[in-house]
C-alpha atoms as a PDB file:
ATOM      1  CA  MET A   1      -9.413  -4.980 -15.728  1.00  0.00           C
ATOM      2  CA  LEU A   2      -9.476  -2.903 -12.560  1.00  0.00           C
ATOM      3  CA  THR A   3      -9.850   0.837 -12.805  1.00  0.00           C
ATOM      4  CA  LEU A   4      -7.169   3.100 -11.404  1.00  0.00           C
ATOM      5  CA  ASP A   5      -9.510   4.241  -8.622  1.00  0.00           C
ATOM      6  CA  VAL A   6     -10.080   0.639  -7.512  1.00  0.00           C
ATOM      7  CA  LYS A   7      -6.332  -0.038  -7.523  1.00  0.00           C
ATOM      8  CA  ILE A   8      -5.722   3.091  -5.434  1.00  0.00           C
ATOM      9  CA  HIS A   9      -8.446   2.119  -2.979  1.00  0.00           C
ATOM     10  CA  ARG A  10      -7.020  -1.391  -2.583  1.00  0.00           C
ATOM     11  CA  ALA A  11      -3.477  -0.080  -2.121  1.00  0.00           C
ATOM     12  CA  GLN A  12      -4.689   2.423   0.500  1.00  0.00           C
ATOM     13  CA  ARG A  13      -6.529  -0.344   2.326  1.00  0.00           C
ATOM     14  CA  LEU A  14      -3.452  -2.608   2.276  1.00  0.00           C
ATOM     15  CA  VAL A  15      -1.170   0.145   3.613  1.00  0.00           C
ATOM     16  CA  ARG A  16      -3.680   0.968   6.355  1.00  0.00           C
ATOM     17  CA  MET A  17      -4.058  -2.707   7.320  1.00  0.00           C
ATOM     18  CA  LEU A  18      -0.291  -3.212   7.490  1.00  0.00           C
ATOM     19  CA  GLU A  19       0.154  -0.105   9.636  1.00  0.00           C
ATOM     20  CA  GLU A  20      -2.659  -1.094  11.995  1.00  0.00           C
ATOM     21  CA  ASP A  21      -1.261  -4.623  12.298  1.00  0.00           C
ATOM     22  CA  ALA A  22       2.241  -3.533  13.341  1.00  0.00           C
ATOM     23  CA  PRO A  23       1.538  -3.590  17.126  1.00  0.00           C
ATOM     24  CA  LEU A  24      -0.224  -6.946  16.845  1.00  0.00           C
ATOM     25  CA  LEU A  25       2.710  -8.402  14.933  1.00  0.00           C
ATOM     26  CA  ASP A  26       4.939  -8.082  17.994  1.00  0.00           C
ATOM     27  CA  ALA A  27       2.486 -10.120  20.059  1.00  0.00           C
ATOM     28  CA  ARG A  28       2.294 -12.847  17.418  1.00  0.00           C
ATOM     29  CA  LEU A  29       6.084 -13.004  17.126  1.00  0.00           C
ATOM     30  CA  ALA A  30       6.764 -13.179  20.872  1.00  0.00           C
ATOM     31  CA  PRO A  31       6.926 -17.014  20.976  1.00  0.00           C
ATOM     32  CA  LEU A  32       9.522 -17.109  18.178  1.00  0.00           C
ATOM     33  CA  ASN A  33      13.271 -16.968  18.687  1.00  0.00           C
ATOM     34  CA  ALA A  34      15.124 -13.676  18.144  1.00  0.00           C
ATOM     35  CA  GLU A  35      16.359 -14.554  14.646  1.00  0.00           C
ATOM     36  CA  ARG A  36      12.899 -15.484  13.383  1.00  0.00           C
ATOM     37  CA  GLN A  37      11.474 -12.300  14.900  1.00  0.00           C
ATOM     38  CA  ARG A  38      14.142 -10.211  13.162  1.00  0.00           C
ATOM     39  CA  VAL A  39      13.559 -11.861   9.777  1.00  0.00           C
ATOM     40  CA  THR A  40       9.784 -11.595  10.041  1.00  0.00           C
ATOM     41  CA  LYS A  41       9.876  -7.942  11.115  1.00  0.00           C
ATOM     42  CA  ALA A  42      12.235  -7.146   8.233  1.00  0.00           C
ATOM     43  CA  TYR A  43       9.864  -8.856   5.799  1.00  0.00           C
ATOM     44  CA  ALA A  44       6.871  -6.959   7.219  1.00  0.00           C
ATOM     45  CA  ALA A  45       8.750  -3.662   6.932  1.00  0.00           C
ATOM     46  CA  GLU A  46       9.681  -4.420   3.321  1.00  0.00           C
ATOM     47  CA  LEU A  47       6.089  -5.337   2.522  1.00  0.00           C
ATOM     48  CA  ARG A  48       4.860  -2.050   4.031  1.00  0.00           C
ATOM     49  CA  ALA A  49       7.475  -0.099   2.060  1.00  0.00           C
ATOM     50  CA  GLN A  50       6.506  -1.797  -1.206  1.00  0.00           C
ATOM     51  CA  ALA A  51       2.806  -1.215  -0.591  1.00  0.00           C
ATOM     52  CA  GLN A  52       3.441   2.457   0.197  1.00  0.00           C
ATOM     53  CA  ALA A  53       5.601   2.844  -2.931  1.00  0.00           C
ATOM     54  CA  GLU A  54       2.893   1.234  -5.067  1.00  0.00           C
ATOM     55  CA  LEU A  55       0.280   3.566  -3.581  1.00  0.00           C
ATOM     56  CA  GLU A  56       2.445   6.600  -4.310  1.00  0.00           C
ATOM     57  CA  ARG A  57       3.012   5.385  -7.875  1.00  0.00           C
ATOM     58  CA  LEU A  58      -0.727   4.921  -8.405  1.00  0.00           C
ATOM     59  CA  LEU A  59      -1.523   8.335  -6.944  1.00  0.00           C
ATOM     60  CA  GLU A  60       1.075   9.928  -9.206  1.00  0.00           C
ATOM     61  CA  GLN A  61      -0.382   8.089 -12.175  1.00  0.00           C
ATOM     62  CA  ASP A  62      -3.854   9.292 -11.165  1.00  0.00           C
ATOM     63  CA  GLY A  63      -2.681  12.897 -11.044  1.00  0.00           C
ATOM     64  CA  SER A  64      -0.987  12.704 -14.429  1.00  0.00           C
ATOM     65  CA  TRP A  65      -3.964  10.838 -15.888  1.00  0.00           C
ATOM     66  CA  ASP A  66      -6.213  13.878 -15.554  1.00  0.00           C
ATOM     67  CA  ALA A  67      -3.645  16.234 -17.051  1.00  0.00           C
ATOM     68  CA  ASN A  68      -3.083  14.108 -20.155  1.00  0.00           C
ATOM     69  CA  ASP A  69      -6.595  12.787 -20.691  1.00  0.00           C
ATOM     70  CA  PRO A  70      -7.806  13.986 -24.116  1.00  0.00           C
ATOM     71  CA  THR A  71     -11.373  12.853 -23.448  1.00  0.00           C
ATOM     72  CA  PRO A  72     -13.800  15.784 -23.577  1.00  0.00           C
ATOM     73  CA  GLN A  73     -15.405  16.608 -20.236  1.00  0.00           C
ATOM     74  CA  ALA A  74     -19.001  17.702 -19.738  1.00  0.00           C
ATOM     75  CA  ALA A  75     -19.567  21.336 -18.829  1.00  0.00           C
ATOM     76  CA  ASP A  76     -20.915  22.116 -15.360  1.00  0.00           C
END
């Protein structure tokens, strides 16, 4: 089972990769017809939105995790 920190890191990496790939996507889609370009760009946008939503959900879960964690913490 993956820890919450690992899930957050992976989601951050996916969002970053999708954002960095956006300009390159246009170059890869150039040979396709207009309809295929539109469908592919819509899919890529939906994928980015879902990845961002998942990241936000994980970050929210991480914030609430600390507040509700009954595990005793070591003193500094």
